[in-house]
Amino acid sequence: VRKRVAVEALSDFGWYKYVGLDGRVIAMEGFGASGPAATLFEHFGFTVDNVVKTVKEVIG
């Protein structure tokens, strides 16, 4: 299996060794954001639409 997607609500640290060169990681990038959870999840791409879009891009 070469095409993998990881979704992590924290840092992407460590996930790239699991998804490999052909995979993608949806994770928080940056530090110190605050606000309502729904707003932050949308900002960082943790929506159903974005996860589905990313998976489709990866698996082609």
PDB file of N, CA and C in Angstrom:
ATOM      1  N   VAL A   1       0.850  -1.174   0.000  1.00  0.00           N
ATOM      2  CA  VAL A   1       0.000   0.000   0.000  1.00  0.00           C
ATOM      3  C   VAL A   1       0.891   1.230   0.000  1.00  0.00           C
ATOM      4  N   ARG A   2       0.730   2.058  -1.007  1.00  0.00           N
ATOM      5  CA  ARG A   2       1.562   3.258  -1.109  1.00  0.00           C
ATOM      6  C   ARG A   2       0.766   4.542  -0.935  1.00  0.00           C
ATOM      7  N   LYS A   3      -0.506   4.495  -1.171  1.00  0.00           N
ATOM      8  CA  LYS A   3      -1.319   5.711  -1.119  1.00  0.00           C
ATOM      9  C   LYS A   3      -2.117   5.724   0.175  1.00  0.00           C
ATOM     10  N   ARG A   4      -1.695   6.603   1.082  1.00  0.00           N
ATOM     11  CA  ARG A   4      -2.312   6.669   2.405  1.00  0.00           C
ATOM     12  C   ARG A   4      -2.617   8.119   2.766  1.00  0.00           C
ATOM     13  N   VAL A   5      -3.634   8.297   3.592  1.00  0.00           N
ATOM     14  CA  VAL A   5      -3.977   9.619   4.110  1.00  0.00           C
ATOM     15  C   VAL A   5      -4.122   9.495   5.620  1.00  0.00           C
ATOM     16  N   ALA A   6      -3.449  10.368   6.337  1.00  0.00           N
ATOM     17  CA  ALA A   6      -3.579  10.429   7.791  1.00  0.00           C
ATOM     18  C   ALA A   6      -4.294  11.720   8.157  1.00  0.00           C
ATOM     19  N   VAL A   7      -5.202  11.624   9.104  1.00  0.00           N
ATOM     20  CA  VAL A   7      -5.913  12.798   9.612  1.00  0.00           C
ATOM     21  C   VAL A   7      -5.622  12.877  11.101  1.00  0.00           C
ATOM     22  N   GLU A   8      -4.960  13.953  11.501  1.00  0.00           N
ATOM     23  CA  GLU A   8      -4.525  14.118  12.891  1.00  0.00           C
ATOM     24  C   GLU A   8      -4.885  15.519  13.353  1.00  0.00           C
ATOM     25  N   ALA A   9      -5.659  15.611  14.424  1.00  0.00           N
ATOM     26  CA  ALA A   9      -6.101  16.915  14.917  1.00  0.00           C
ATOM     27  C   ALA A   9      -5.011  17.646  15.686  1.00  0.00           C
ATOM     28  N   LEU A  10      -3.845  17.078  15.735  1.00  0.00           N
ATOM     29  CA  LEU A  10      -2.698  17.740  16.360  1.00  0.00           C
ATOM     30  C   LEU A  10      -1.626  17.945  15.304  1.00  0.00           C
ATOM     31  N   SER A  11      -0.394  17.885  15.685  1.00  0.00           N
ATOM     32  CA  SER A  11       0.742  18.095  14.792  1.00  0.00           C
ATOM     33  C   SER A  11       0.878  16.951  13.787  1.00  0.00           C
ATOM     34  N   ASP A  12       1.454  17.267  12.633  1.00  0.00           N
ATOM     35  CA  ASP A  12       1.735  16.230  11.643  1.00  0.00           C
ATOM     36  C   ASP A  12       3.030  15.474  11.951  1.00  0.00           C
ATOM     37  N   PHE A  13       3.694  15.851  13.029  1.00  0.00           N
ATOM     38  CA  PHE A  13       4.974  15.247  13.392  1.00  0.00           C
ATOM     39  C   PHE A  13       4.846  13.727  13.497  1.00  0.00           C
ATOM     40  N   GLY A  14       5.685  13.037  12.760  1.00  0.00           N
ATOM     41  CA  GLY A  14       5.742  11.588  12.817  1.00  0.00           C
ATOM     42  C   GLY A  14       4.852  10.855  11.831  1.00  0.00           C
ATOM     43  N   TRP A  15       3.876  11.524  11.260  1.00  0.00           N
ATOM     44  CA  TRP A  15       2.942  10.840  10.375  1.00  0.00           C
ATOM     45  C   TRP A  15       3.516  10.545   8.996  1.00  0.00           C
ATOM     46  N   TYR A  16       4.476  11.327   8.554  1.00  0.00           N
ATOM     47  CA  TYR A  16       4.986  11.134   7.195  1.00  0.00           C
ATOM     48  C   TYR A  16       5.683   9.798   7.021  1.00  0.00           C
ATOM     49  N   LYS A  17       6.223   9.238   8.096  1.00  0.00           N
ATOM     50  CA  LYS A  17       6.854   7.916   7.974  1.00  0.00           C
ATOM     51  C   LYS A  17       5.807   6.832   7.719  1.00  0.00           C
ATOM     52  N   TYR A  18       4.553   7.104   8.058  1.00  0.00           N
ATOM     53  CA  TYR A  18       3.488   6.132   7.820  1.00  0.00           C
ATOM     54  C   TYR A  18       2.798   6.328   6.475  1.00  0.00           C
ATOM     55  N   VAL A  19       2.660   7.567   6.029  1.00  0.00           N
ATOM     56  CA  VAL A  19       1.974   7.792   4.755  1.00  0.00           C
ATOM     57  C   VAL A  19       2.919   7.667   3.571  1.00  0.00           C
ATOM     58  N   GLY A  20       4.201   7.797   3.787  1.00  0.00           N
ATOM     59  CA  GLY A  20       5.174   7.630   2.716  1.00  0.00           C
ATOM     60  C   GLY A  20       5.191   8.782   1.731  1.00  0.00           C
ATOM     61  N   LEU A  21       5.920   8.561   0.655  1.00  0.00           N
ATOM     62  CA  LEU A  21       6.107   9.610  -0.347  1.00  0.00           C
ATOM     63  C   LEU A  21       4.844   9.891  -1.158  1.00  0.00           C
ATOM     64  N   ASP A  22       3.961   8.915  -1.264  1.00  0.00           N
ATOM     65  CA  ASP A  22       2.747   9.083  -2.063  1.00  0.00           C
ATOM     66  C   ASP A  22       1.533   9.472  -1.226  1.00  0.00           C
ATOM     67  N   GLY A  23       1.713   9.654   0.071  1.00  0.00           N
ATOM     68  CA  GLY A  23       0.591   9.945   0.953  1.00  0.00           C
ATOM     69  C   GLY A  23       0.489  11.413   1.308  1.00  0.00           C
ATOM     70  N   ARG A  24      -0.557  11.722   2.045  1.00  0.00           N
ATOM     71  CA  ARG A  24      -0.793  13.097   2.503  1.00  0.00           C
ATOM     72  C   ARG A  24      -1.206  13.059   3.963  1.00  0.00           C
ATOM     73  N   VAL A  25      -0.921  14.145   4.655  1.00  0.00           N
ATOM     74  CA  VAL A  25      -1.313  14.289   6.049  1.00  0.00           C
ATOM     75  C   VAL A  25      -2.163  15.546   6.181  1.00  0.00           C
ATOM     76  N   ILE A  26      -3.320  15.396   6.776  1.00  0.00           N
ATOM     77  CA  ILE A  26      -4.156  16.540   7.127  1.00  0.00           C
ATOM     78  C   ILE A  26      -3.962  16.724   8.622  1.00  0.00           C
ATOM     79  N   ALA A  27      -3.328  17.813   9.004  1.00  0.00           N
ATOM     80  CA  ALA A  27      -3.013  18.042  10.415  1.00  0.00           C
ATOM     81  C   ALA A  27      -2.875  19.538  10.659  1.00  0.00           C
ATOM     82  N   MET A  28      -2.777  19.888  11.923  1.00  0.00           N
ATOM     83  CA  MET A  28      -2.567  21.291  12.271  1.00  0.00           C
ATOM     84  C   MET A  28      -1.139  21.682  11.925  1.00  0.00           C
ATOM     85  N   GLU A  29      -1.010  22.790  11.259  1.00  0.00           N
ATOM     86  CA  GLU A  29       0.306  23.337  10.958  1.00  0.00           C
ATOM     87  C   GLU A  29       0.348  24.720  11.577  1.00  0.00           C
ATOM     88  N   GLY A  30       1.252  24.921  12.466  1.00  0.00           N
ATOM     89  CA  GLY A  30       1.330  26.186  13.171  1.00  0.00           C
ATOM     90  C   GLY A  30       1.039  25.974  14.637  1.00  0.00           C
ATOM     91  N   PHE A  31       1.087  27.038  15.382  1.00  0.00           N
ATOM     92  CA  PHE A  31       0.902  26.933  16.820  1.00  0.00           C
ATOM     93  C   PHE A  31       0.215  28.183  17.333  1.00  0.00           C
ATOM     94  N   GLY A  32      -0.629  28.017  18.313  1.00  0.00           N
ATOM     95  CA  GLY A  32      -1.188  29.160  19.008  1.00  0.00           C
ATOM     96  C   GLY A  32      -2.539  29.636  18.532  1.00  0.00           C
ATOM     97  N   ALA A  33      -3.190  28.896  17.648  1.00  0.00           N
ATOM     98  CA  ALA A  33      -4.515  29.311  17.203  1.00  0.00           C
ATOM     99  C   ALA A  33      -5.529  29.066  18.308  1.00  0.00           C
ATOM    100  N   SER A  34      -6.447  29.988  18.452  1.00  0.00           N
ATOM    101  CA  SER A  34      -7.511  29.789  19.430  1.00  0.00           C
ATOM    102  C   SER A  34      -8.820  30.272  18.835  1.00  0.00           C
ATOM    103  N   GLY A  35      -9.883  29.690  19.302  1.00  0.00           N
ATOM    104  CA  GLY A  35     -11.203  30.049  18.823  1.00  0.00           C
ATOM    105  C   GLY A  35     -12.129  28.873  18.973  1.00  0.00           C
ATOM    106  N   PRO A  36     -13.344  29.019  18.489  1.00  0.00           N
ATOM    107  CA  PRO A  36     -14.289  27.907  18.550  1.00  0.00           C
ATOM    108  C   PRO A  36     -13.759  26.703  17.764  1.00  0.00           C
ATOM    109  N   ALA A  37     -13.978  25.522  18.296  1.00  0.00           N
ATOM    110  CA  ALA A  37     -13.459  24.304  17.665  1.00  0.00           C
ATOM    111  C   ALA A  37     -13.908  24.178  16.215  1.00  0.00           C
ATOM    112  N   ALA A  38     -15.169  24.446  15.938  1.00  0.00           N
ATOM    113  CA  ALA A  38     -15.675  24.308  14.570  1.00  0.00           C
ATOM    114  C   ALA A  38     -14.936  25.232  13.610  1.00  0.00           C
ATOM    115  N   THR A  39     -14.637  26.434  14.047  1.00  0.00           N
ATOM    116  CA  THR A  39     -13.908  27.392  13.213  1.00  0.00           C
ATOM    117  C   THR A  39     -12.487  26.920  12.961  1.00  0.00           C
ATOM    118  N   LEU A  40     -11.820  26.442  14.002  1.00  0.00           N
ATOM    119  CA  LEU A  40     -10.444  25.965  13.851  1.00  0.00           C
ATOM    120  C   LEU A  40     -10.378  24.711  12.988  1.00  0.00           C
ATOM    121  N   PHE A  41     -11.317  23.788  13.178  1.00  0.00           N
ATOM    122  CA  PHE A  41     -11.309  22.574  12.363  1.00  0.00           C
ATOM    123  C   PHE A  41     -11.484  22.923  10.892  1.00  0.00           C
ATOM    124  N   GLU A  42     -12.359  23.857  10.584  1.00  0.00           N
ATOM    125  CA  GLU A  42     -12.529  24.264   9.187  1.00  0.00           C
ATOM    126  C   GLU A  42     -11.259  24.937   8.670  1.00  0.00           C
ATOM    127  N   HIS A  43     -10.668  25.803   9.464  1.00  0.00           N
ATOM    128  CA  HIS A  43      -9.446  26.506   9.069  1.00  0.00           C
ATOM    129  C   HIS A  43      -8.317  25.530   8.731  1.00  0.00           C
ATOM    130  N   PHE A  44      -8.175  24.473   9.510  1.00  0.00           N
ATOM    131  CA  PHE A  44      -7.088  23.519   9.303  1.00  0.00           C
ATOM    132  C   PHE A  44      -7.463  22.367   8.372  1.00  0.00           C
ATOM    133  N   GLY A  45      -8.661  22.384   7.823  1.00  0.00           N
ATOM    134  CA  GLY A  45      -9.040  21.384   6.827  1.00  0.00           C
ATOM    135  C   GLY A  45      -9.659  20.116   7.365  1.00  0.00           C
ATOM    136  N   PHE A  46     -10.117  20.144   8.596  1.00  0.00           N
ATOM    137  CA  PHE A  46     -10.738  18.966   9.188  1.00  0.00           C
ATOM    138  C   PHE A  46     -12.238  18.943   8.924  1.00  0.00           C
ATOM    139  N   THR A  47     -12.596  18.991   7.657  1.00  0.00           N
ATOM    140  CA  THR A  47     -13.997  18.895   7.270  1.00  0.00           C
ATOM    141  C   THR A  47     -14.173  17.635   6.436  1.00  0.00           C
ATOM    142  N   VAL A  48     -15.376  17.127   6.414  1.00  0.00           N
ATOM    143  CA  VAL A  48     -15.647  15.937   5.610  1.00  0.00           C
ATOM    144  C   VAL A  48     -15.295  16.207   4.154  1.00  0.00           C
ATOM    145  N   ASP A  49     -15.706  17.356   3.646  1.00  0.00           N
ATOM    146  CA  ASP A  49     -15.439  17.676   2.243  1.00  0.00           C
ATOM    147  C   ASP A  49     -13.949  17.699   1.943  1.00  0.00           C
ATOM    148  N   ASN A  50     -13.156  18.297   2.811  1.00  0.00           N
ATOM    149  CA  ASN A  50     -11.720  18.370   2.564  1.00  0.00           C
ATOM    150  C   ASN A  50     -11.054  17.002   2.678  1.00  0.00           C
ATOM    151  N   VAL A  51     -11.465  16.205   3.643  1.00  0.00           N
ATOM    152  CA  VAL A  51     -10.873  14.866   3.783  1.00  0.00           C
ATOM    153  C   VAL A  51     -11.210  14.021   2.557  1.00  0.00           C
ATOM    154  N   VAL A  52     -12.459  14.054   2.114  1.00  0.00           N
ATOM    155  CA  VAL A  52     -12.859  13.297   0.923  1.00  0.00           C
ATOM    156  C   VAL A  52     -12.089  13.782  -0.297  1.00  0.00           C
ATOM    157  N   LYS A  53     -11.969  15.087  -0.465  1.00  0.00           N
ATOM    158  CA  LYS A  53     -11.220  15.661  -1.593  1.00  0.00           C
ATOM    159  C   LYS A  53      -9.766  15.197  -1.568  1.00  0.00           C
ATOM    160  N   THR A  54      -9.150  15.232  -0.406  1.00  0.00           N
ATOM    161  CA  THR A  54      -7.752  14.823  -0.276  1.00  0.00           C
ATOM    162  C   THR A  54      -7.584  13.347  -0.601  1.00  0.00           C
ATOM    163  N   VAL A  55      -8.470  12.512  -0.090  1.00  0.00           N
ATOM    164  CA  VAL A  55      -8.391  11.072  -0.374  1.00  0.00           C
ATOM    165  C   VAL A  55      -8.535  10.823  -1.871  1.00  0.00           C
ATOM    166  N   LYS A  56      -9.471  11.491  -2.509  1.00  0.00           N
ATOM    167  CA  LYS A  56      -9.649  11.321  -3.955  1.00  0.00           C
ATOM    168  C   LYS A  56      -8.406  11.756  -4.718  1.00  0.00           C
ATOM    169  N   GLU A  57      -7.768  12.841  -4.291  1.00  0.00           N
ATOM    170  CA  GLU A  57      -6.537  13.294  -4.939  1.00  0.00           C
ATOM    171  C   GLU A  57      -5.432  12.258  -4.792  1.00  0.00           C
ATOM    172  N   VAL A  58      -5.333  11.659  -3.624  1.00  0.00           N
ATOM    173  CA  VAL A  58      -4.261  10.698  -3.367  1.00  0.00           C
ATOM    174  C   VAL A  58      -4.481   9.397  -4.134  1.00  0.00           C
ATOM    175  N   ILE A  59      -5.701   8.884  -4.120  1.00  0.00           N
ATOM    176  CA  ILE A  59      -5.923   7.586  -4.763  1.00  0.00           C
ATOM    177  C   ILE A  59      -6.152   7.703  -6.264  1.00  0.00           C
ATOM    178  N   GLY A  60      -6.337   8.942  -6.723  1.00  0.00           N
ATOM    179  CA  GLY A  60      -6.457   9.181  -8.154  1.00  0.00           C
ATOM    180  C   GLY A  60      -7.752   8.702  -8.690  1.00  0.00           C
TER     181      GLY A  60
END
